[in-house]
PDB file of all heavy atoms in Angstrom:
ATOM      1  N   ARG A   1     -44.755  80.410-115.191  1.00  0.00           N
ATOM      2  CA  ARG A   1     -45.296  79.331-116.014  1.00  0.00           C
ATOM      3  C   ARG A   1     -46.211  79.892-117.092  1.00  0.00           C
ATOM      4  O   ARG A   1     -46.196  79.435-118.252  1.00  0.00           O
ATOM      5  CB  ARG A   1     -46.064  78.335-115.144  1.00  0.00           C
ATOM      6  CG  ARG A   1     -46.577  77.095-115.888  1.00  0.00           C
ATOM      7  CD  ARG A   1     -45.424  76.324-116.491  1.00  0.00           C
ATOM      8  NE  ARG A   1     -45.834  75.014-117.008  1.00  0.00           N
ATOM      9  CZ  ARG A   1     -45.031  74.208-117.692  1.00  0.00           C
ATOM     10  NH1 ARG A   1     -43.779  74.567-117.937  1.00  0.00           N
ATOM     11  NH2 ARG A   1     -45.458  73.035-118.128  1.00  0.00           N
ATOM     12  N   ASN A   2     -46.995  80.876-116.748  1.00  0.00           N
ATOM     13  CA  ASN A   2     -47.885  81.489-117.741  1.00  0.00           C
ATOM     14  C   ASN A   2     -47.084  82.130-118.863  1.00  0.00           C
ATOM     15  O   ASN A   2     -47.462  82.046-120.044  1.00  0.00           O
ATOM     16  CB  ASN A   2     -48.799  82.515-117.077  1.00  0.00           C
ATOM     17  CG  ASN A   2     -49.999  82.841-117.936  1.00  0.00           C
ATOM     18  OD1 ASN A   2     -50.730  81.961-118.372  1.00  0.00           O
ATOM     19  ND2 ASN A   2     -50.189  84.131-118.212  1.00  0.00           N
ATOM     20  N   ASP A   3     -45.954  82.744-118.526  1.00  0.00           N
ATOM     21  CA  ASP A   3     -45.094  83.350-119.559  1.00  0.00           C
ATOM     22  C   ASP A   3     -44.497  82.260-120.461  1.00  0.00           C
ATOM     23  O   ASP A   3     -44.391  82.452-121.680  1.00  0.00           O
ATOM     24  CB  ASP A   3     -43.969  84.150-118.900  1.00  0.00           C
ATOM     25  CG  ASP A   3     -44.458  85.440-118.249  1.00  0.00           C
ATOM     26  OD1 ASP A   3     -45.608  85.845-118.535  1.00  0.00           O
ATOM     27  OD2 ASP A   3     -43.708  86.013-117.439  1.00  0.00           O
ATOM     28  N   GLN A   4     -44.099  81.138-119.866  1.00  0.00           N
ATOM     29  CA  GLN A   4     -43.559  80.031-120.673  1.00  0.00           C
ATOM     30  C   GLN A   4     -44.609  79.516-121.653  1.00  0.00           C
ATOM     31  O   GLN A   4     -44.308  79.255-122.825  1.00  0.00           O
ATOM     32  CB  GLN A   4     -43.113  78.892-119.750  1.00  0.00           C
ATOM     33  CG  GLN A   4     -41.867  79.197-118.939  1.00  0.00           C
ATOM     34  CD  GLN A   4     -41.552  78.092-117.943  1.00  0.00           C
ATOM     35  OE1 GLN A   4     -42.413  77.286-117.584  1.00  0.00           O
ATOM     36  NE2 GLN A   4     -40.307  78.059-117.475  1.00  0.00           N
ATOM     37  N   ILE A   5     -45.837  79.372-121.173  1.00  0.00           N
ATOM     38  CA  ILE A   5     -46.910  78.879-122.036  1.00  0.00           C
ATOM     39  C   ILE A   5     -47.191  79.876-123.155  1.00  0.00           C
ATOM     40  O   ILE A   5     -47.334  79.491-124.322  1.00  0.00           O
ATOM     41  CB  ILE A   5     -48.181  78.607-121.208  1.00  0.00           C
ATOM     42  CG1 ILE A   5     -47.959  77.405-120.282  1.00  0.00           C
ATOM     43  CG2 ILE A   5     -49.386  78.372-122.117  1.00  0.00           C
ATOM     44  CD1 ILE A   5     -49.079  77.172-119.292  1.00  0.00           C
ATOM     45  N   ALA A   6     -47.243  81.162-122.811  1.00  0.00           N
ATOM     46  CA  ALA A   6     -47.512  82.181-123.823  1.00  0.00           C
ATOM     47  C   ALA A   6     -46.431  82.168-124.912  1.00  0.00           C
ATOM     48  O   ALA A   6     -46.741  82.269-126.109  1.00  0.00           O
ATOM     49  CB  ALA A   6     -47.602  83.553-123.161  1.00  0.00           C
ATOM     50  N   ALA A   7     -45.177  82.040-124.499  1.00  0.00           N
ATOM     51  CA  ALA A   7     -44.089  82.011-125.475  1.00  0.00           C
ATOM     52  C   ALA A   7     -44.172  80.743-126.339  1.00  0.00           C
ATOM     53  O   ALA A   7     -43.941  80.794-127.559  1.00  0.00           O
ATOM     54  CB  ALA A   7     -42.745  82.078-124.746  1.00  0.00           C
ATOM     55  N   PHE A   8     -44.494  79.620-125.734  1.00  0.00           N
ATOM     56  CA  PHE A   8     -44.629  78.356-126.476  1.00  0.00           C
ATOM     57  C   PHE A   8     -45.770  78.447-127.484  1.00  0.00           C
ATOM     58  O   PHE A   8     -45.624  78.037-128.657  1.00  0.00           O
ATOM     59  CB  PHE A   8     -44.875  77.219-125.487  1.00  0.00           C
ATOM     60  CG  PHE A   8     -45.249  75.905-126.127  1.00  0.00           C
ATOM     61  CD1 PHE A   8     -44.332  75.184-126.878  1.00  0.00           C
ATOM     62  CD2 PHE A   8     -46.532  75.388-125.978  1.00  0.00           C
ATOM     63  CE1 PHE A   8     -44.680  73.974-127.466  1.00  0.00           C
ATOM     64  CE2 PHE A   8     -46.886  74.184-126.555  1.00  0.00           C
ATOM     65  CZ  PHE A   8     -45.963  73.475-127.305  1.00  0.00           C
ATOM     66  N   LEU A   9     -46.895  78.999-127.076  1.00  0.00           N
ATOM     67  CA  LEU A   9     -48.029  79.141-127.989  1.00  0.00           C
ATOM     68  C   LEU A   9     -47.671  80.056-129.158  1.00  0.00           C
ATOM     69  O   LEU A   9     -47.996  79.755-130.316  1.00  0.00           O
ATOM     70  CB  LEU A   9     -49.248  79.696-127.241  1.00  0.00           C
ATOM     71  CG  LEU A   9     -49.881  78.774-126.188  1.00  0.00           C
ATOM     72  CD1 LEU A   9     -50.991  79.511-125.442  1.00  0.00           C
ATOM     73  CD2 LEU A   9     -50.425  77.512-126.830  1.00  0.00           C
ATOM     74  N   ALA A  10     -46.989  81.157-128.859  1.00  0.00           N
ATOM     75  CA  ALA A  10     -46.619  82.091-129.928  1.00  0.00           C
ATOM     76  C   ALA A  10     -45.666  81.429-130.918  1.00  0.00           C
ATOM     77  O   ALA A  10     -45.819  81.553-132.143  1.00  0.00           O
ATOM     78  CB  ALA A  10     -45.979  83.339-129.318  1.00  0.00           C
ATOM     79  N   ALA A  11     -44.685  80.667-130.408  1.00  0.00           N
ATOM     80  CA  ALA A  11     -43.706  80.014-131.278  1.00  0.00           C
ATOM     81  C   ALA A  11     -44.336  78.898-132.106  1.00  0.00           C
ATOM     82  O   ALA A  11     -43.818  78.540-133.168  1.00  0.00           O
ATOM     83  CB  ALA A  11     -42.564  79.453-130.437  1.00  0.00           C
ATOM     84  N   SER A  12     -45.471  78.377-131.639  1.00  0.00           N
ATOM     85  CA  SER A  12     -46.129  77.258-132.313  1.00  0.00           C
ATOM     86  C   SER A  12     -47.263  77.701-133.223  1.00  0.00           C
ATOM     87  O   SER A  12     -47.986  76.861-133.772  1.00  0.00           O
ATOM     88  CB  SER A  12     -46.676  76.269-131.264  1.00  0.00           C
ATOM     89  OG  SER A  12     -45.671  75.861-130.388  1.00  0.00           O
ATOM     90  N   GLY A  13     -47.443  79.013-133.369  1.00  0.00           N
ATOM     91  CA  GLY A  13     -48.506  79.512-134.241  1.00  0.00           C
ATOM     92  C   GLY A  13     -49.852  79.645-133.572  1.00  0.00           C
ATOM     93  O   GLY A  13     -50.872  79.829-134.243  1.00  0.00           O
ATOM     94  N   TRP A  14     -49.886  79.554-132.239  1.00  0.00           N
ATOM     95  CA  TRP A  14     -51.143  79.678-131.510  1.00  0.00           C
ATOM     96  C   TRP A  14     -51.137  80.890-130.569  1.00  0.00           C
ATOM     97  O   TRP A  14     -51.941  80.970-129.641  1.00  0.00           O
ATOM     98  CB  TRP A  14     -51.414  78.394-130.725  1.00  0.00           C
ATOM     99  CG  TRP A  14     -51.831  77.268-131.621  1.00  0.00           C
ATOM    100  CD1 TRP A  14     -51.027  76.410-132.295  1.00  0.00           C
ATOM    101  CD2 TRP A  14     -53.173  76.919-131.977  1.00  0.00           C
ATOM    102  NE1 TRP A  14     -51.761  75.538-133.049  1.00  0.00           N
ATOM    103  CE2 TRP A  14     -53.089  75.817-132.858  1.00  0.00           C
ATOM    104  CE3 TRP A  14     -54.430  77.416-131.630  1.00  0.00           C
ATOM    105  CZ2 TRP A  14     -54.218  75.217-133.414  1.00  0.00           C
ATOM    106  CZ3 TRP A  14     -55.555  76.810-132.157  1.00  0.00           C
ATOM    107  CH2 TRP A  14     -55.461  75.727-133.038  1.00  0.00           C
ATOM    108  N   GLY A  15     -50.245  81.843-130.824  1.00  0.00           N
ATOM    109  CA  GLY A  15     -50.253  83.056-130.026  1.00  0.00           C
ATOM    110  C   GLY A  15     -51.567  83.810-130.223  1.00  0.00           C
ATOM    111  O   GLY A  15     -52.098  83.880-131.320  1.00  0.00           O
ATOM    112  N   GLY A  16     -52.101  84.340-129.152  1.00  0.00           N
ATOM    113  CA  GLY A  16     -53.362  85.060-129.241  1.00  0.00           C
ATOM    114  C   GLY A  16     -54.588  84.174-129.198  1.00  0.00           C
ATOM    115  O   GLY A  16     -55.721  84.661-129.296  1.00  0.00           O
ATOM    116  N   ALA A  17     -54.400  82.863-129.063  1.00  0.00           N
ATOM    117  CA  ALA A  17     -55.552  81.962-128.993  1.00  0.00           C
ATOM    118  C   ALA A  17     -56.327  82.194-127.701  1.00  0.00           C
ATOM    119  O   ALA A  17     -55.759  82.519-126.651  1.00  0.00           O
ATOM    120  CB  ALA A  17     -55.092  80.503-129.052  1.00  0.00           C
ATOM    121  N   LYS A  18     -57.634  82.024-127.790  1.00  0.00           N
ATOM    122  CA  LYS A  18     -58.464  82.035-126.591  1.00  0.00           C
ATOM    123  C   LYS A  18     -58.185  80.755-125.820  1.00  0.00           C
ATOM    124  O   LYS A  18     -58.173  79.659-126.387  1.00  0.00           O
ATOM    125  CB  LYS A  18     -59.943  82.118-126.972  1.00  0.00           C
ATOM    126  CG  LYS A  18     -60.879  82.268-125.789  1.00  0.00           C
ATOM    127  CD  LYS A  18     -62.324  82.439-126.260  1.00  0.00           C
ATOM    128  CE  LYS A  18     -63.254  82.638-125.068  1.00  0.00           C
ATOM    129  NZ  LYS A  18     -64.676  82.789-125.514  1.00  0.00           N
ATOM    130  N   ARG A  19     -57.960  80.886-124.514  1.00  0.00           N
ATOM    131  CA  ARG A  19     -57.576  79.734-123.689  1.00  0.00           C
ATOM    132  C   ARG A  19     -58.673  79.437-122.678  1.00  0.00           C
ATOM    133  O   ARG A  19     -59.000  80.285-121.845  1.00  0.00           O
ATOM    134  CB  ARG A  19     -56.253  80.020-122.989  1.00  0.00           C
ATOM    135  CG  ARG A  19     -55.073  80.147-123.943  1.00  0.00           C
ATOM    136  CD  ARG A  19     -53.838  80.737-123.271  1.00  0.00           C
ATOM    137  NE  ARG A  19     -53.445  80.010-122.073  1.00  0.00           N
ATOM    138  CZ  ARG A  19     -52.449  80.378-121.272  1.00  0.00           C
ATOM    139  NH1 ARG A  19     -51.742  81.473-121.571  1.00  0.00           N
ATOM    140  NH2 ARG A  19     -52.155  79.682-120.198  1.00  0.00           N
ATOM    141  N   LEU A  20     -59.246  78.244-122.771  1.00  0.00           N
ATOM    142  CA  LEU A  20     -60.355  77.850-121.900  1.00  0.00           C
ATOM    143  C   LEU A  20     -59.906  76.667-121.039  1.00  0.00           C
ATOM    144  O   LEU A  20     -59.783  75.541-121.536  1.00  0.00           O
ATOM    145  CB  LEU A  20     -61.581  77.446-122.733  1.00  0.00           C
ATOM    146  CG  LEU A  20     -62.089  78.505-123.722  1.00  0.00           C
ATOM    147  CD1 LEU A  20     -63.205  77.929-124.589  1.00  0.00           C
ATOM    148  CD2 LEU A  20     -62.571  79.734-122.962  1.00  0.00           C
ATOM    149  N   PRO A  21     -59.644  76.875-119.747  1.00  0.00           N
ATOM    150  CA  PRO A  21     -59.205  75.771-118.884  1.00  0.00           C
ATOM    151  C   PRO A  21     -60.274  74.686-118.790  1.00  0.00           C
ATOM    152  O   PRO A  21     -61.478  74.971-118.784  1.00  0.00           O
ATOM    153  CB  PRO A  21     -58.992  76.450-117.525  1.00  0.00           C
ATOM    154  CG  PRO A  21     -58.838  77.905-117.838  1.00  0.00           C
ATOM    155  CD  PRO A  21     -59.691  78.159-119.038  1.00  0.00           C
ATOM    156  N   LEU A  22     -59.831  73.439-118.720  1.00  0.00           N
ATOM    157  CA  LEU A  22     -60.731  72.300-118.581  1.00  0.00           C
ATOM    158  C   LEU A  22     -60.618  71.724-117.177  1.00  0.00           C
ATOM    159  O   LEU A  22     -59.594  71.900-116.508  1.00  0.00           O
ATOM    160  CB  LEU A  22     -60.390  71.231-119.628  1.00  0.00           C
ATOM    161  CG  LEU A  22     -60.562  71.674-121.080  1.00  0.00           C
ATOM    162  CD1 LEU A  22     -60.148  70.559-122.020  1.00  0.00           C
ATOM    163  CD2 LEU A  22     -61.997  72.087-121.359  1.00  0.00           C
ATOM    164  N   PRO A  23     -61.651  71.025-116.702  1.00  0.00           N
ATOM    165  CA  PRO A  23     -61.612  70.465-115.346  1.00  0.00           C
ATOM    166  C   PRO A  23     -60.442  69.507-115.180  1.00  0.00           C
ATOM    167  O   PRO A  23     -60.058  68.791-116.113  1.00  0.00           O
ATOM    168  CB  PRO A  23     -62.948  69.725-115.228  1.00  0.00           C
ATOM    169  CG  PRO A  23     -63.839  70.361-116.247  1.00  0.00           C
ATOM    170  CD  PRO A  23     -62.945  70.779-117.372  1.00  0.00           C
ATOM    171  N   GLY A  24     -59.875  69.477-113.981  1.00  0.00           N
ATOM    172  CA  GLY A  24     -58.751  68.598-113.697  1.00  0.00           C
ATOM    173  C   GLY A  24     -59.199  67.181-113.391  1.00  0.00           C
ATOM    174  O   GLY A  24     -60.384  66.891-113.256  1.00  0.00           O
ATOM    175  N   ASP A  25     -58.214  66.284-113.294  1.00  0.00           N
ATOM    176  CA  ASP A  25     -58.503  64.890-112.945  1.00  0.00           C
ATOM    177  C   ASP A  25     -57.547  64.463-111.841  1.00  0.00           C
ATOM    178  O   ASP A  25     -57.089  65.281-111.061  1.00  0.00           O
ATOM    179  CB  ASP A  25     -58.412  63.993-114.179  1.00  0.00           C
ATOM    180  CG  ASP A  25     -57.029  64.023-114.839  1.00  0.00           C
ATOM    181  OD1 ASP A  25     -56.095  64.582-114.224  1.00  0.00           O
ATOM    182  OD2 ASP A  25     -56.890  63.498-115.954  1.00  0.00           O
ATOM    183  N   ALA A  26     -57.237  63.174-111.777  1.00  0.00           N
ATOM    184  CA  ALA A  26     -56.392  62.668-110.699  1.00  0.00           C
ATOM    185  C   ALA A  26     -54.905  62.905-110.942  1.00  0.00           C
ATOM    186  O   ALA A  26     -54.089  62.605-110.086  1.00  0.00           O
ATOM    187  CB  ALA A  26     -56.641  61.171-110.510  1.00  0.00           C
ATOM    188  N   SER A  27     -54.536  63.449-112.101  1.00  0.00           N
ATOM    189  CA  SER A  27     -53.124  63.604-112.447  1.00  0.00           C
ATOM    190  C   SER A  27     -52.635  65.006-112.133  1.00  0.00           C
ATOM    191  O   SER A  27     -53.397  65.881-111.709  1.00  0.00           O
ATOM    192  CB  SER A  27     -52.925  63.316-113.940  1.00  0.00           C
ATOM    193  OG  SER A  27     -53.401  64.397-114.712  1.00  0.00           O
ATOM    194  N   THR A  28     -51.329  65.238-112.361  1.00  0.00           N
ATOM    195  CA  THR A  28     -50.758  66.570-112.193  1.00  0.00           C
ATOM    196  C   THR A  28     -50.805  67.376-113.491  1.00  0.00           C
ATOM    197  O   THR A  28     -50.374  68.525-113.506  1.00  0.00           O
ATOM    198  CB  THR A  28     -49.300  66.469-111.724  1.00  0.00           C
ATOM    199  OG1 THR A  28     -48.544  65.718-112.689  1.00  0.00           O
ATOM    200  CG2 THR A  28     -49.202  65.781-110.373  1.00  0.00           C
ATOM    201  N   ARG A  29     -51.298  66.771-114.569  1.00  0.00           N
ATOM    202  CA  ARG A  29     -51.437  67.511-115.830  1.00  0.00           C
ATOM    203  C   ARG A  29     -52.674  68.391-115.785  1.00  0.00           C
ATOM    204  O   ARG A  29     -53.628  68.127-115.064  1.00  0.00           O
ATOM    205  CB  ARG A  29     -51.575  66.534-117.016  1.00  0.00           C
ATOM    206  CG  ARG A  29     -50.343  65.757-117.326  1.00  0.00           C
ATOM    207  CD  ARG A  29     -50.560  64.831-118.522  1.00  0.00           C
ATOM    208  NE  ARG A  29     -51.713  63.953-118.331  1.00  0.00           N
ATOM    209  CZ  ARG A  29     -51.694  62.841-117.611  1.00  0.00           C
ATOM    210  NH1 ARG A  29     -50.580  62.468-117.006  1.00  0.00           N
ATOM    211  NH2 ARG A  29     -52.772  62.094-117.487  1.00  0.00           N
TER     212      ARG A  29
END
């Protein structure tokens, strides 16, 4: 999943962005 996200970010112009996880909630997102 991390590889999928990295590839998606790179293809969208956000490759190399600093990634800061946010607290979760009641959902699966």
